[in-house]
Amino acid sequence: MGAGFAVGVLGVLILSHAAYSTIQYRSFLKITDEQFSGPPIKVVIELIAGLVLCMWAALTVPGKFLSILPQSDENRVVALSDNLDFVIFNHRGKAFPLSVDAKLK
């Protein structure tokens, strides 16, 4: 449990408090028979802060981004999984040629 996870929990708590504040404000407006035109500015600032914290945590908690290039050394299979029942080598991909010599005109 690192700092990113704690920041994510804090962001969720802030968003929850902003939602509760908005519900409480709407019920107050119903009691006073006023129209709801939007949440107060304090709630909007709280929503933006909670969103920023949650987005930062979502980007930092999962870990390091990996390369999507197929020739990258990070993508090499070091060992096969223990369950080989789901490994399929005979599939429709073998119908496609290995090299496509299509030229655009």
C-alpha atoms as a PDB file:
ATOM      1  CA  MET A   1       0.000   0.000   0.000  1.00  0.00           C
ATOM      2  CA  GLY A   2       1.907   2.964  -1.258  1.00  0.00           C
ATOM      3  CA  ALA A   3       1.279   6.656  -1.294  1.00  0.00           C
ATOM      4  CA  GLY A   4      -0.625   6.403  -4.592  1.00  0.00           C
ATOM      5  CA  PHE A   5      -3.180   4.077  -3.038  1.00  0.00           C
ATOM      6  CA  ALA A   6      -3.652   6.439  -0.090  1.00  0.00           C
ATOM      7  CA  VAL A   7      -4.124   9.362  -2.472  1.00  0.00           C
ATOM      8  CA  GLY A   8      -6.721   7.314  -4.369  1.00  0.00           C
ATOM      9  CA  VAL A   9      -8.632   6.541  -1.182  1.00  0.00           C
ATOM     10  CA  LEU A  10      -8.500  10.222  -0.239  1.00  0.00           C
ATOM     11  CA  GLY A  11      -9.830  11.153  -3.689  1.00  0.00           C
ATOM     12  CA  VAL A  12     -12.731   8.717  -3.362  1.00  0.00           C
ATOM     13  CA  LEU A  13     -13.546  10.086   0.086  1.00  0.00           C
ATOM     14  CA  ILE A  14     -13.524  13.649  -1.270  1.00  0.00           C
ATOM     15  CA  LEU A  15     -15.813  12.646  -4.149  1.00  0.00           C
ATOM     16  CA  SER A  16     -18.154  10.893  -1.709  1.00  0.00           C
ATOM     17  CA  HIS A  17     -18.281  13.979   0.494  1.00  0.00           C
ATOM     18  CA  ALA A  18     -19.027  16.167  -2.529  1.00  0.00           C
ATOM     19  CA  ALA A  19     -21.887  13.856  -3.527  1.00  0.00           C
ATOM     20  CA  TYR A  20     -23.280  13.930   0.009  1.00  0.00           C
ATOM     21  CA  SER A  21     -22.988  17.732   0.110  1.00  0.00           C
ATOM     22  CA  THR A  22     -24.868  18.028  -3.182  1.00  0.00           C
ATOM     23  CA  ILE A  23     -27.671  15.761  -1.936  1.00  0.00           C
ATOM     24  CA  GLN A  24     -27.875  17.730   1.293  1.00  0.00           C
ATOM     25  CA  TYR A  25     -27.978  21.027  -0.647  1.00  0.00           C
ATOM     26  CA  ARG A  26     -30.785  19.735  -2.888  1.00  0.00           C
ATOM     27  CA  SER A  27     -32.828  18.635   0.106  1.00  0.00           C
ATOM     28  CA  PHE A  28     -32.291  22.085   1.639  1.00  0.00           C
ATOM     29  CA  LEU A  29     -33.569  23.671  -1.584  1.00  0.00           C
ATOM     30  CA  LYS A  30     -36.660  21.441  -1.507  1.00  0.00           C
ATOM     31  CA  ILE A  31     -37.439  22.590   2.013  1.00  0.00           C
ATOM     32  CA  THR A  32     -37.093  26.266   1.050  1.00  0.00           C
ATOM     33  CA  ASP A  33     -38.977  25.759  -2.288  1.00  0.00           C
ATOM     34  CA  GLU A  34     -36.139  27.072  -4.461  1.00  0.00           C
ATOM     35  CA  GLN A  35     -35.006  25.810  -7.857  1.00  0.00           C
ATOM     36  CA  PHE A  36     -31.791  23.778  -8.204  1.00  0.00           C
ATOM     37  CA  SER A  37     -29.530  25.547 -10.682  1.00  0.00           C
ATOM     38  CA  GLY A  38     -26.320  23.740  -9.783  1.00  0.00           C
ATOM     39  CA  PRO A  39     -24.149  22.808  -6.847  1.00  0.00           C
ATOM     40  CA  PRO A  40     -22.358  25.487  -4.820  1.00  0.00           C
ATOM     41  CA  ILE A  41     -18.856  26.534  -5.884  1.00  0.00           C
ATOM     42  CA  LYS A  42     -17.342  24.791  -2.843  1.00  0.00           C
ATOM     43  CA  VAL A  43     -18.763  21.466  -4.052  1.00  0.00           C
ATOM     44  CA  VAL A  44     -17.505  22.052  -7.601  1.00  0.00           C
ATOM     45  CA  ILE A  45     -13.992  22.741  -6.301  1.00  0.00           C
ATOM     46  CA  GLU A  46     -14.238  19.632  -4.142  1.00  0.00           C
ATOM     47  CA  LEU A  47     -15.298  17.576  -7.185  1.00  0.00           C
ATOM     48  CA  ILE A  48     -12.377  18.841  -9.257  1.00  0.00           C
ATOM     49  CA  ALA A  49      -9.898  18.124  -6.443  1.00  0.00           C
ATOM     50  CA  GLY A  50     -11.302  14.611  -5.948  1.00  0.00           C
ATOM     51  CA  LEU A  51     -11.189  13.945  -9.681  1.00  0.00           C
ATOM     52  CA  VAL A  52      -7.564  15.059  -9.947  1.00  0.00           C
ATOM     53  CA  LEU A  53      -6.536  12.899  -6.982  1.00  0.00           C
ATOM     54  CA  CYS A  54      -8.368   9.842  -8.330  1.00  0.00           C
ATOM     55  CA  MET A  55      -6.871  10.268 -11.795  1.00  0.00           C
ATOM     56  CA  TRP A  56      -3.367  10.646 -10.369  1.00  0.00           C
ATOM     57  CA  ALA A  57      -3.833   7.507  -8.272  1.00  0.00           C
ATOM     58  CA  ALA A  58      -5.238   5.567 -11.234  1.00  0.00           C
ATOM     59  CA  LEU A  59      -2.135   6.365 -13.257  1.00  0.00           C
ATOM     60  CA  THR A  60       0.418   5.638 -10.532  1.00  0.00           C
ATOM     61  CA  VAL A  61      -0.991   2.677  -8.589  1.00  0.00           C
ATOM     62  CA  PRO A  62      -1.034   0.034 -11.372  1.00  0.00           C
ATOM     63  CA  GLY A  63       2.712   0.339 -11.899  1.00  0.00           C
ATOM     64  CA  LYS A  64       5.084   0.831 -14.775  1.00  0.00           C
ATOM     65  CA  PHE A  65       3.733   1.131 -18.305  1.00  0.00           C
ATOM     66  CA  LEU A  66       5.013  -1.577 -20.638  1.00  0.00           C
ATOM     67  CA  SER A  67       5.958  -1.228 -24.274  1.00  0.00           C
ATOM     68  CA  ILE A  68       3.387  -2.293 -26.851  1.00  0.00           C
ATOM     69  CA  LEU A  69       5.937  -2.868 -29.589  1.00  0.00           C
ATOM     70  CA  PRO A  70       6.129  -6.589 -30.457  1.00  0.00           C
ATOM     71  CA  GLN A  71       9.914  -6.598 -30.892  1.00  0.00           C
ATOM     72  CA  SER A  72      10.499  -5.098 -27.448  1.00  0.00           C
ATOM     73  CA  ASP A  73      12.523  -7.181 -24.996  1.00  0.00           C
ATOM     74  CA  GLU A  74       9.959  -6.497 -22.268  1.00  0.00           C
ATOM     75  CA  ASN A  75       7.298  -8.450 -24.171  1.00  0.00           C
ATOM     76  CA  ARG A  76       9.186 -11.722 -24.495  1.00  0.00           C
ATOM     77  CA  VAL A  77       7.625 -14.797 -22.932  1.00  0.00           C
ATOM     78  CA  VAL A  78      10.039 -16.178 -20.380  1.00  0.00           C
ATOM     79  CA  ALA A  79       7.997 -19.144 -19.214  1.00  0.00           C
ATOM     80  CA  LEU A  80       4.707 -20.711 -20.177  1.00  0.00           C
ATOM     81  CA  SER A  81       1.895 -20.743 -17.708  1.00  0.00           C
ATOM     82  CA  ASP A  82       1.145 -23.828 -15.647  1.00  0.00           C
ATOM     83  CA  ASN A  83      -2.232 -24.310 -17.293  1.00  0.00           C
ATOM     84  CA  LEU A  84      -1.649 -25.092 -20.974  1.00  0.00           C
ATOM     85  CA  ASP A  85      -5.299 -25.967 -21.648  1.00  0.00           C
ATOM     86  CA  PHE A  86      -6.023 -22.506 -23.013  1.00  0.00           C
ATOM     87  CA  VAL A  87      -2.977 -22.199 -25.294  1.00  0.00           C
ATOM     88  CA  ILE A  88      -4.206 -22.477 -28.889  1.00  0.00           C
ATOM     89  CA  PHE A  89      -1.788 -22.779 -31.783  1.00  0.00           C
ATOM     90  CA  ASN A  90      -4.298 -23.869 -34.443  1.00  0.00           C
ATOM     91  CA  HIS A  91      -6.446 -20.813 -35.216  1.00  0.00           C
ATOM     92  CA  ARG A  92      -7.730 -18.723 -38.128  1.00  0.00           C
ATOM     93  CA  GLY A  93      -4.626 -16.532 -38.143  1.00  0.00           C
ATOM     94  CA  LYS A  94      -2.725 -19.166 -40.123  1.00  0.00           C
ATOM     95  CA  ALA A  95      -4.911 -18.392 -43.169  1.00  0.00           C
ATOM     96  CA  PHE A  96      -3.321 -14.958 -43.529  1.00  0.00           C
ATOM     97  CA  PRO A  97       0.000 -14.693 -45.334  1.00  0.00           C
ATOM     98  CA  LEU A  98       3.034 -13.815 -43.236  1.00  0.00           C
ATOM     99  CA  SER A  99       4.027 -10.876 -45.411  1.00  0.00           C
ATOM    100  CA  VAL A 100       1.535  -8.682 -47.184  1.00  0.00           C
ATOM    101  CA  ASP A 101       2.779  -7.233 -50.464  1.00  0.00           C
ATOM    102  CA  ALA A 102      -0.094  -4.794 -50.962  1.00  0.00           C
ATOM    103  CA  LYS A 103       0.866  -1.490 -52.514  1.00  0.00           C
ATOM    104  CA  LEU A 104      -1.276   1.605 -52.392  1.00  0.00           C
ATOM    105  CA  LYS A 105      -1.811   3.467 -55.648  1.00  0.00           C
END
